[in-house]
Protein backbone atom coordinates (compact mmCIF):
# COMPACT_ATOMS: atom_id res chain seq x y z
CA UNK A 1 98.94 56.98 98.89
CA UNK A 2 95.15 57.39 99.12
CA UNK A 3 93.23 58.14 102.27
CA UNK A 4 92.20 54.48 102.45
CA UNK A 5 95.84 53.45 102.83
CA UNK A 6 96.04 55.02 106.28
CA UNK A 7 95.43 52.96 109.38
CA UNK A 8 91.95 53.39 110.79
CA UNK A 9 91.51 55.76 113.73
CA UNK A 10 89.61 53.66 116.30
CA UNK A 11 88.55 56.30 118.81
CA UNK A 12 88.66 59.93 119.89
CA UNK A 13 91.77 59.44 122.03
CA UNK A 14 93.73 58.25 118.96
CA UNK A 15 92.40 61.13 116.88
CA UNK A 16 93.44 63.62 119.54
CA UNK A 17 96.91 62.08 119.82
CA UNK A 18 97.48 62.27 116.07
CA UNK A 19 96.30 65.86 115.81
CA UNK A 20 98.43 66.93 118.77
CA UNK A 21 101.40 65.33 117.02
CA UNK A 22 100.72 67.28 113.82
CA UNK A 23 100.37 70.48 115.84
CA UNK A 24 103.65 69.85 117.66
CA UNK A 25 105.58 69.27 114.44
CA UNK A 26 104.30 72.54 113.01
CA UNK A 27 105.21 74.32 116.25
CA UNK A 28 108.82 73.16 115.84
CA UNK A 29 108.90 74.49 112.26
CA UNK A 30 107.36 77.96 112.64
CA UNK A 31 105.86 80.44 115.09
CA UNK A 32 104.11 82.41 112.32
CA UNK A 33 101.05 84.09 113.84
CA UNK A 34 98.22 82.81 111.57
CA UNK A 35 99.12 79.09 111.74
CA UNK A 36 99.94 79.38 115.44
CA UNK A 37 96.46 80.85 116.00
CA UNK A 38 94.98 77.90 114.10
CA UNK A 39 97.02 75.46 116.20
CA UNK A 40 95.72 77.07 119.39
CA UNK A 41 92.17 76.77 118.09
CA UNK A 42 92.77 73.06 117.33
CA UNK A 43 94.13 72.38 120.80
CA UNK A 44 91.27 74.23 122.50
CA UNK A 45 88.68 72.44 120.36
CA UNK A 46 90.24 69.04 121.12
CA UNK A 47 89.93 69.83 124.84
CA UNK A 48 86.20 70.55 124.54
CA UNK A 49 85.38 68.03 121.77
CA UNK A 50 84.20 70.88 119.57
CA UNK A 51 83.69 69.08 116.24
CA UNK A 52 83.19 72.25 114.19
CA UNK A 53 86.30 73.83 115.67
CA UNK A 54 88.42 70.73 115.02
CA UNK A 55 87.19 70.40 111.44
CA UNK A 56 87.80 74.07 110.73
CA UNK A 57 91.33 73.95 112.17
CA UNK A 58 92.19 70.73 110.26
CA UNK A 59 91.07 72.26 106.97
CA UNK A 60 93.07 75.43 107.67
CA UNK A 61 96.18 73.35 108.48
CA UNK A 62 95.68 71.28 105.32
CA UNK A 63 95.47 74.47 103.27
CA UNK A 64 98.58 75.84 105.00
CA UNK A 65 100.52 72.66 104.16
CA UNK A 66 99.53 72.87 100.49
CA UNK A 67 100.95 76.40 100.33
CA UNK A 68 104.12 75.70 102.31
CA UNK A 69 105.16 72.08 101.73
CA UNK A 70 107.57 72.94 98.89
CA UNK A 71 109.32 75.51 101.09
CA UNK A 72 109.51 73.00 103.95
CA UNK A 73 111.01 70.27 101.74
CA UNK A 74 113.59 72.63 100.20
CA UNK A 75 114.67 74.12 103.55
CA UNK A 76 118.09 72.68 104.41
CA UNK A 77 117.50 73.29 108.12
CA UNK A 78 114.36 71.10 108.24
CA UNK A 79 115.38 67.52 109.08
CA UNK A 80 111.88 66.06 109.38
CA UNK A 81 110.39 67.12 106.03
CA UNK A 82 109.00 63.59 105.56
CA UNK A 83 106.97 64.01 108.74
CA UNK A 84 105.39 67.19 107.38
CA UNK A 85 104.63 65.48 104.09
CA UNK A 86 102.98 62.60 105.96
CA UNK A 87 100.98 65.10 108.01
CA UNK A 88 99.71 66.78 104.85
CA UNK A 89 98.72 63.46 103.26
CA UNK A 90 97.06 62.24 106.46
CA UNK A 91 94.84 65.26 107.04
CA UNK A 92 92.16 64.39 104.42
CA UNK A 93 91.83 60.96 106.10
CA UNK A 94 91.52 62.62 109.53
CA UNK A 95 88.90 65.08 108.25
CA UNK A 96 86.91 62.21 106.72
CA UNK A 97 87.14 60.27 109.99
CA UNK A 98 85.83 63.22 112.00
CA UNK A 99 82.88 63.66 109.66
CA UNK A 100 82.06 59.92 109.88
CA UNK A 101 82.16 59.74 113.68
CA UNK A 102 79.87 62.45 115.00
CA UNK A 103 79.13 60.29 118.03
CA UNK A 104 82.64 61.06 119.33
CA UNK A 105 81.42 64.63 119.83
CA UNK A 106 78.20 63.73 121.59
CA UNK A 107 76.92 66.70 123.61
CA UNK A 108 76.84 64.60 126.76
CA UNK A 109 80.64 64.47 126.68
CA UNK A 110 81.08 68.08 125.62
CA UNK A 111 82.28 70.46 128.29
CA UNK A 112 80.22 73.24 126.73
CA UNK A 113 77.27 71.70 128.57
CA UNK A 114 78.70 72.63 131.95
CA UNK A 115 77.31 75.79 133.57
CA UNK A 116 80.51 77.75 133.04
CA UNK A 117 80.38 77.11 129.28
CA UNK A 118 76.79 78.25 128.65
CA UNK A 119 77.50 81.91 129.26
CA UNK A 120 76.63 84.42 126.56
CA UNK A 121 79.58 85.23 124.31
CA UNK A 122 80.82 88.81 124.04
CA UNK A 123 83.53 90.67 122.15
CA UNK A 124 85.08 93.05 124.69
CA UNK A 125 87.15 95.89 123.17
CA UNK A 126 89.74 97.15 125.65
CA UNK A 127 91.21 100.49 124.62
CA UNK A 128 92.15 104.00 125.66
CA UNK A 129 89.48 106.62 124.97
CA UNK A 130 92.21 108.62 123.20
CA UNK A 131 92.17 105.95 120.49
CA UNK A 132 88.40 106.05 120.03
CA UNK A 133 88.66 106.90 116.30
CA UNK A 134 90.42 103.64 115.55
CA UNK A 135 87.98 101.75 117.74
CA UNK A 136 85.00 103.30 115.94
CA UNK A 137 86.37 101.91 112.66
CA UNK A 138 86.85 98.50 114.29
CA UNK A 139 83.28 98.40 115.62
CA UNK A 140 81.99 99.35 112.16
CA UNK A 141 83.97 96.43 110.71
CA UNK A 142 82.50 94.06 113.31
CA UNK A 143 79.01 95.28 112.46
CA UNK A 144 79.62 94.52 108.78
CA UNK A 145 80.73 91.00 109.69
CA UNK A 146 77.37 90.55 111.40
CA UNK A 147 77.93 91.32 115.08
CA UNK A 148 75.32 93.40 116.90
CA UNK A 149 75.34 95.57 120.00
CA UNK A 150 74.49 92.41 121.99
CA UNK A 151 77.70 90.77 120.75
CA UNK A 152 80.12 93.67 121.27
CA UNK A 153 81.03 95.84 124.25
CA UNK A 154 82.89 99.06 123.50
CA UNK A 155 82.72 101.84 126.08
CA UNK A 156 83.44 104.68 123.62
CA UNK A 157 80.98 103.68 120.87
CA UNK A 158 77.40 104.97 121.20
CA UNK A 159 74.99 102.12 121.92
CA UNK A 160 77.77 99.61 122.59
CA UNK A 161 78.89 100.88 125.98
CA UNK A 162 77.64 100.94 129.55
CA UNK A 163 73.82 101.16 129.75
CA UNK A 164 72.28 104.27 131.28
CA UNK A 165 71.84 104.04 135.02
CA UNK A 166 74.44 101.30 135.45
CA UNK A 167 77.44 101.70 137.75
CA UNK A 168 80.55 101.72 135.57
CA UNK A 169 82.72 99.44 137.69
CA UNK A 170 79.95 97.03 138.61
CA UNK A 171 78.99 96.67 134.95
CA UNK A 172 82.58 96.01 133.86
CA UNK A 173 82.93 93.47 136.66
CA UNK A 174 79.79 91.69 135.46
CA UNK A 175 81.21 91.50 131.92
CA UNK A 176 84.18 89.45 133.10
CA UNK A 177 82.02 87.37 135.47
CA UNK A 178 78.89 86.67 133.45
CA UNK A 179 80.11 86.48 129.85
CA UNK A 180 82.48 84.29 127.88
CA UNK A 181 84.76 86.94 126.45
CA UNK A 182 86.83 87.33 123.34
CA UNK A 183 88.93 90.37 124.27
CA UNK A 184 90.43 92.66 121.62
CA UNK A 185 93.20 94.78 123.14
CA UNK A 186 93.50 97.88 120.91
CA UNK A 187 96.96 99.13 121.83
CA UNK A 188 98.66 102.34 120.73
CA UNK A 189 102.21 103.44 121.39
CA UNK A 190 101.36 106.38 123.65
CA UNK A 191 97.88 105.90 125.08
CA UNK A 192 97.01 102.36 126.19
CA UNK A 193 99.64 101.94 128.90
CA UNK A 194 98.89 105.38 130.35
CA UNK A 195 95.25 104.38 130.94
CA UNK A 196 94.67 102.72 134.35
CA UNK A 197 91.28 101.44 133.16
CA UNK A 198 92.85 99.71 130.16
CA UNK A 199 95.53 98.07 132.28
CA UNK A 200 92.88 96.85 134.74
CA UNK A 201 90.93 95.30 131.84
CA UNK A 202 94.09 93.60 130.55
CA UNK A 203 94.81 92.15 133.99
CA UNK A 204 91.23 90.98 134.48
CA UNK A 205 91.20 89.26 131.08
CA UNK A 206 94.44 87.48 131.93
CA UNK A 207 93.17 86.33 135.32
CA UNK A 208 89.93 85.04 133.78
CA UNK A 209 91.86 83.24 131.02
CA UNK A 210 89.72 84.96 128.38
CA UNK A 211 90.48 84.36 124.72
CA UNK A 212 92.20 87.51 123.46
CA UNK A 213 94.35 89.10 120.79
CA UNK A 214 96.22 92.44 120.80
CA UNK A 215 95.51 94.73 117.84
CA UNK A 216 98.49 97.05 117.47
CA UNK A 217 97.75 100.49 116.02
CA UNK A 218 100.10 102.22 113.54
CA UNK A 219 103.45 103.02 115.16
CA UNK A 220 103.14 100.20 117.73
CA UNK A 221 105.25 97.06 117.34
CA UNK A 222 105.03 93.68 119.13
CA UNK A 223 108.40 94.36 120.79
CA UNK A 224 106.80 97.29 122.66
CA UNK A 225 104.13 95.12 124.32
CA UNK A 226 104.50 94.76 128.06
CA UNK A 227 102.69 93.43 131.08
CA UNK A 228 100.71 90.19 130.95
CA UNK A 229 100.31 90.66 127.18
CA UNK A 230 104.00 90.76 126.34
CA UNK A 231 106.22 90.70 123.23
CA UNK A 232 105.78 86.94 122.89
CA UNK A 233 102.00 87.29 122.49
CA UNK A 234 100.45 86.68 119.09
CA UNK A 235 99.40 90.10 117.85
CA UNK A 236 97.62 91.62 114.86
CA UNK A 237 99.80 94.54 113.79
CA UNK A 238 98.22 97.10 111.46
CA UNK A 239 101.69 98.09 110.20
CA UNK A 240 102.46 94.49 109.19
CA UNK A 241 102.66 93.35 105.56
CA UNK A 242 100.50 90.38 106.60
CA UNK A 243 97.73 92.50 108.12
CA UNK A 244 95.09 91.47 105.56
CA UNK A 245 95.78 87.78 106.16
CA UNK A 246 95.77 88.35 109.92
CA UNK A 247 92.42 90.17 109.72
CA UNK A 248 91.05 87.22 107.76
CA UNK A 249 92.15 84.91 110.60
CA UNK A 250 90.62 87.21 113.23
CA UNK A 251 87.33 87.28 111.34
CA UNK A 252 87.30 83.49 111.13
CA UNK A 253 88.16 83.11 114.82
CA UNK A 254 85.34 85.45 115.85
CA UNK A 255 82.77 83.74 113.64
CA UNK A 256 83.81 80.35 115.01
CA UNK A 257 83.73 81.66 118.60
CA UNK A 258 80.09 82.72 118.11
CA UNK A 259 79.15 79.77 115.90
CA UNK A 260 78.15 82.12 113.08
CA UNK A 261 78.22 81.29 109.37
CA UNK A 262 80.94 82.58 107.06
CA UNK A 263 80.13 85.78 105.17
CA UNK A 264 80.50 86.77 101.52
CA UNK A 265 84.24 86.89 100.79
CA UNK A 266 84.10 89.69 98.20
CA UNK A 267 82.13 91.92 100.55
CA UNK A 268 84.49 91.04 103.40
CA UNK A 269 87.61 91.93 101.42
CA UNK A 270 86.09 95.31 100.51
CA UNK A 271 85.08 96.00 104.13
CA UNK A 272 88.46 94.84 105.46
CA UNK A 273 90.39 97.11 103.08
CA UNK A 274 88.07 100.04 103.84
CA UNK A 275 88.78 99.49 107.55
CA UNK A 276 92.53 99.66 106.92
CA UNK A 277 92.16 102.79 104.80
CA UNK A 278 90.14 104.50 107.53
CA UNK A 279 92.76 103.58 110.16
CA UNK A 280 95.66 104.97 108.17
CA UNK A 281 93.70 108.13 107.39
CA UNK A 282 93.47 108.94 111.11
CA UNK A 283 95.87 111.54 112.47
CA UNK A 284 96.21 110.68 116.18
CA UNK A 285 96.65 113.38 118.79
CA UNK A 286 100.31 113.92 119.60
CA UNK A 287 101.47 113.95 123.24
CA UNK A 288 101.86 117.74 122.94
CA UNK A 289 98.30 118.11 121.68
CA UNK A 290 96.96 115.87 124.43
CA UNK A 291 98.79 117.95 127.04
CA UNK A 292 97.45 121.18 125.54
CA UNK A 293 93.90 119.82 125.42
CA UNK A 294 94.04 118.66 129.02
CA UNK A 295 95.23 122.09 130.16
CA UNK A 296 92.44 123.89 128.27
CA UNK A 297 89.37 124.88 130.26
CA UNK A 298 86.34 122.87 129.10
CA UNK A 299 84.01 125.49 130.59
CA UNK A 300 85.43 128.40 128.59
CA UNK A 301 82.82 130.05 126.37
CA UNK A 302 82.81 132.45 123.43
CA UNK A 303 82.71 135.52 125.69
CA UNK A 304 85.93 134.36 127.38
CA UNK A 305 87.59 134.10 123.98
CA UNK A 306 86.40 137.50 122.74
CA UNK A 307 87.48 139.25 125.95
CA UNK A 308 90.92 137.57 125.92
CA UNK A 309 90.29 135.58 129.09
CA UNK A 310 91.26 132.43 127.20
CA UNK A 311 93.63 132.11 124.23
CA UNK A 312 92.50 131.25 120.74
CA UNK A 313 95.07 128.44 120.75
CA UNK A 314 93.42 126.71 123.73
CA UNK A 315 89.99 127.19 122.21
CA UNK A 316 91.19 125.54 119.02
CA UNK A 317 92.51 122.58 120.99
CA UNK A 318 89.09 122.14 122.58
CA UNK A 319 87.53 122.35 119.11
CA UNK A 320 89.96 119.67 117.92
CA UNK A 321 88.48 117.24 120.44
CA UNK A 322 84.96 118.03 119.20
CA UNK A 323 86.01 117.60 115.55
CA UNK A 324 87.64 114.22 116.27
CA UNK A 325 84.69 112.96 118.30
CA UNK A 326 82.37 113.96 115.46
CA UNK A 327 84.77 112.48 112.89
CA UNK A 328 84.65 115.80 111.03
CA UNK A 329 87.89 115.46 109.10
CA UNK A 330 87.68 118.77 107.14
CA UNK A 331 87.22 120.67 110.41
CA UNK A 332 89.97 118.63 112.09
CA UNK A 333 92.36 119.38 109.21
CA UNK A 334 91.64 123.11 109.36
CA UNK A 335 92.15 123.25 113.14
CA UNK A 336 95.47 121.39 112.91
CA UNK A 337 96.68 123.79 110.20
CA UNK A 338 95.71 126.79 112.30
CA UNK A 339 97.48 125.37 115.35
CA UNK A 340 100.68 124.18 113.72
CA UNK A 341 100.80 126.33 110.58
CA UNK A 342 100.09 125.60 106.95
CA UNK A 343 102.38 123.58 104.68
CA UNK A 344 104.45 125.65 102.26
CA UNK A 345 102.80 124.07 99.22
CA UNK A 346 99.27 123.78 100.61
CA UNK A 347 96.20 125.95 100.04
CA UNK A 348 95.94 128.95 102.33
CA UNK A 349 92.70 130.66 103.46
CA UNK A 350 92.25 134.22 102.20
CA UNK A 351 92.19 135.63 105.75
CA UNK A 352 95.87 134.64 106.06
CA UNK A 353 96.83 136.76 103.05
CA UNK A 354 97.59 140.48 103.03
CA UNK A 355 99.39 143.16 100.98
CA UNK A 356 102.23 145.46 101.97
CA UNK A 357 104.40 148.00 100.12
CA UNK A 358 105.80 149.34 103.38
CA UNK A 359 109.56 148.75 103.83
CA UNK A 360 112.24 149.94 106.23
CA UNK A 361 115.99 149.60 106.13
CA UNK A 362 119.14 150.04 108.15
CA UNK A 363 122.44 150.93 106.48
CA UNK A 364 124.03 153.87 104.61
CA UNK A 365 122.29 156.68 102.74
CA UNK A 366 124.96 158.83 101.11
CA UNK A 367 127.20 159.94 103.98
CA UNK A 368 124.65 159.13 106.69
CA UNK A 369 124.11 155.97 108.70
CA UNK A 370 120.41 155.21 109.17
CA UNK A 371 118.54 152.74 111.39
CA UNK A 372 115.06 151.41 110.58
CA UNK A 373 114.31 154.24 108.20
CA UNK A 374 111.37 154.13 105.78
CA UNK A 375 112.39 153.07 102.26
CA UNK A 376 110.96 155.26 99.47
CA UNK A 377 108.68 153.43 97.01
CA UNK A 378 110.80 153.99 93.91
CA UNK A 379 113.85 152.18 95.30
CA UNK A 380 112.34 148.81 94.30
CA UNK A 381 111.14 148.30 90.72
CA UNK A 382 107.38 147.85 90.17
CA UNK A 383 107.71 144.40 88.58
CA UNK A 384 109.52 143.13 91.69
CA UNK A 385 107.17 144.94 94.06
CA UNK A 386 104.20 143.31 92.32
CA UNK A 387 105.67 139.89 93.15
CA UNK A 388 106.42 140.54 96.81
CA UNK A 389 103.56 142.77 97.95
CA UNK A 390 101.27 139.74 98.36
CA UNK A 391 102.16 138.15 101.68
CA UNK A 392 101.04 134.71 102.83
CA UNK A 393 101.33 134.08 106.56
CA UNK A 394 101.56 130.33 107.27
CA UNK A 395 102.82 130.19 110.87
CA UNK A 396 100.81 128.69 113.74
CA UNK A 397 98.17 130.49 115.80
CA UNK A 398 100.41 130.99 118.84
CA UNK A 399 102.78 133.26 116.89
CA UNK A 400 99.82 135.15 115.43
CA UNK A 401 98.38 135.75 118.90
CA UNK A 402 101.78 136.95 120.11
CA UNK A 403 102.01 139.39 117.19
CA UNK A 404 98.43 140.59 117.70
CA UNK A 405 99.26 141.45 121.31
CA UNK A 406 102.59 143.06 120.46
CA UNK A 407 103.11 146.81 120.23
CA UNK A 408 106.11 146.50 117.88
CA UNK A 409 105.91 146.24 114.11
CA UNK A 410 105.90 142.81 112.50
CA UNK A 411 108.38 142.43 109.68
CA UNK A 412 109.55 139.95 107.03
CA UNK A 413 113.26 139.93 106.19
CA UNK A 414 113.84 141.10 102.59
CA UNK A 415 117.58 141.71 102.87
CA UNK A 416 118.13 139.79 99.63
CA UNK A 417 116.80 142.88 97.83
CA UNK A 418 119.70 145.04 99.07
CA UNK A 419 121.37 144.73 95.66
CA UNK A 420 118.18 145.89 93.95
CA UNK A 421 118.07 149.02 96.12
CA UNK A 422 121.77 149.78 95.58
CA UNK A 423 121.37 149.41 91.80
CA UNK A 424 118.32 151.68 91.61
CA UNK A 425 120.02 154.42 93.71
CA UNK A 426 123.40 154.22 91.92
CA UNK A 427 124.97 153.02 95.13
CA UNK A 428 123.76 155.90 97.26
CA UNK A 429 121.60 153.64 99.50
CA UNK A 430 123.29 150.53 100.84
CA UNK A 431 121.09 148.28 102.99
CA UNK A 432 122.57 146.20 105.75
CA UNK A 433 119.04 144.94 106.55
CA UNK A 434 115.78 145.41 104.68
CA UNK A 435 112.34 144.49 106.05
CA UNK A 436 108.79 144.40 104.71
CA UNK A 437 106.33 145.58 107.39
CA UNK A 438 102.98 143.93 108.01
CA UNK A 439 100.04 145.83 109.50
CA UNK A 440 99.28 144.82 113.09
CA UNK A 441 95.56 144.91 112.20
CA UNK A 442 96.17 141.90 109.97
CA UNK A 443 97.11 139.74 112.97
CA UNK A 444 94.38 141.17 115.16
């Protein structure tokens, strides 16, 4: 059947009825996020007689049908496959009709002409400041799409936040009152719901009926959403296998919202994948780190550290915040290693290496029982001593500080060498425990 075989669409009311019917049949078949987002766009555009929006949605639905019609027809649980096939075949006729009847979308009948629809459009990024690294990557992606500081509000990104001299709460209030918003909720598992400001923004967006989408950071699933943006909300999940397709849909929705032209697809795919790589390269602060940072004194200075008025551990936590804010990943990696300890197979700084040929043992020497006695050098062969005299200390900074402030000797258990000592002394010295001593100056 060609497009000319379809019955003519006489007016906008008939067009709207047919498109709502197509949307409803798709709704009964699937709740998949991308096509559902397209359906919502179609319904909103039909309400406002937005010709560009309707055309875009129809073309997206036609493309979706081409990719999915075989699966629909072969699905034994779909009893109206013929309806879907008719929908797919009818869409080119509908698209042609829309393009031939621009008068149906005359601006005099378009609700965008009303005062409430002429507001400046704005992308409002609602997030916890503890997730600012992810948000910085998102703003960079929006900039590459073509959005400027006039199009985007992000409180934690320099130049995109609250102007100098403005009252914070009054400015945020004006955003929801004076702009037509597209709100991006950037939600993490631990941080968003513990931020009163974020929850207030979510509530305000819901009350205003602003267009919005949750962007779920790694580790956050749709089932964990709560409040007015709940588990049934359409969400873009960075952990999802469909994240690239979902980002494509988000990009298209934003461009359509602002009435901007499409961008170069090859450049977009590169920028999109770079955004995902940057997100998964971020190591978020753990709840323990956040607690430690919050308990550290921001006003502590170098003199406090040198004179032991503040611990090195707390100073490193403060430095971690500075490293993350400056996106200095080498410094951030070093600080984390110092705080938590170095991996067993990772590189170790030279200052964490030392040498020791000083051993003590407890056990039997001839007919005498000894406790923590010094072990003579010759009781361990040189080739073994050469292997064990180099000591790498990989534990976290808290243990090092404890050792540096301790008056007792620091030792590594070497009891596995008891057989070596017994062999070299013809059984005269039998070690119950054997320890390699480290100089306290090393920890200091």
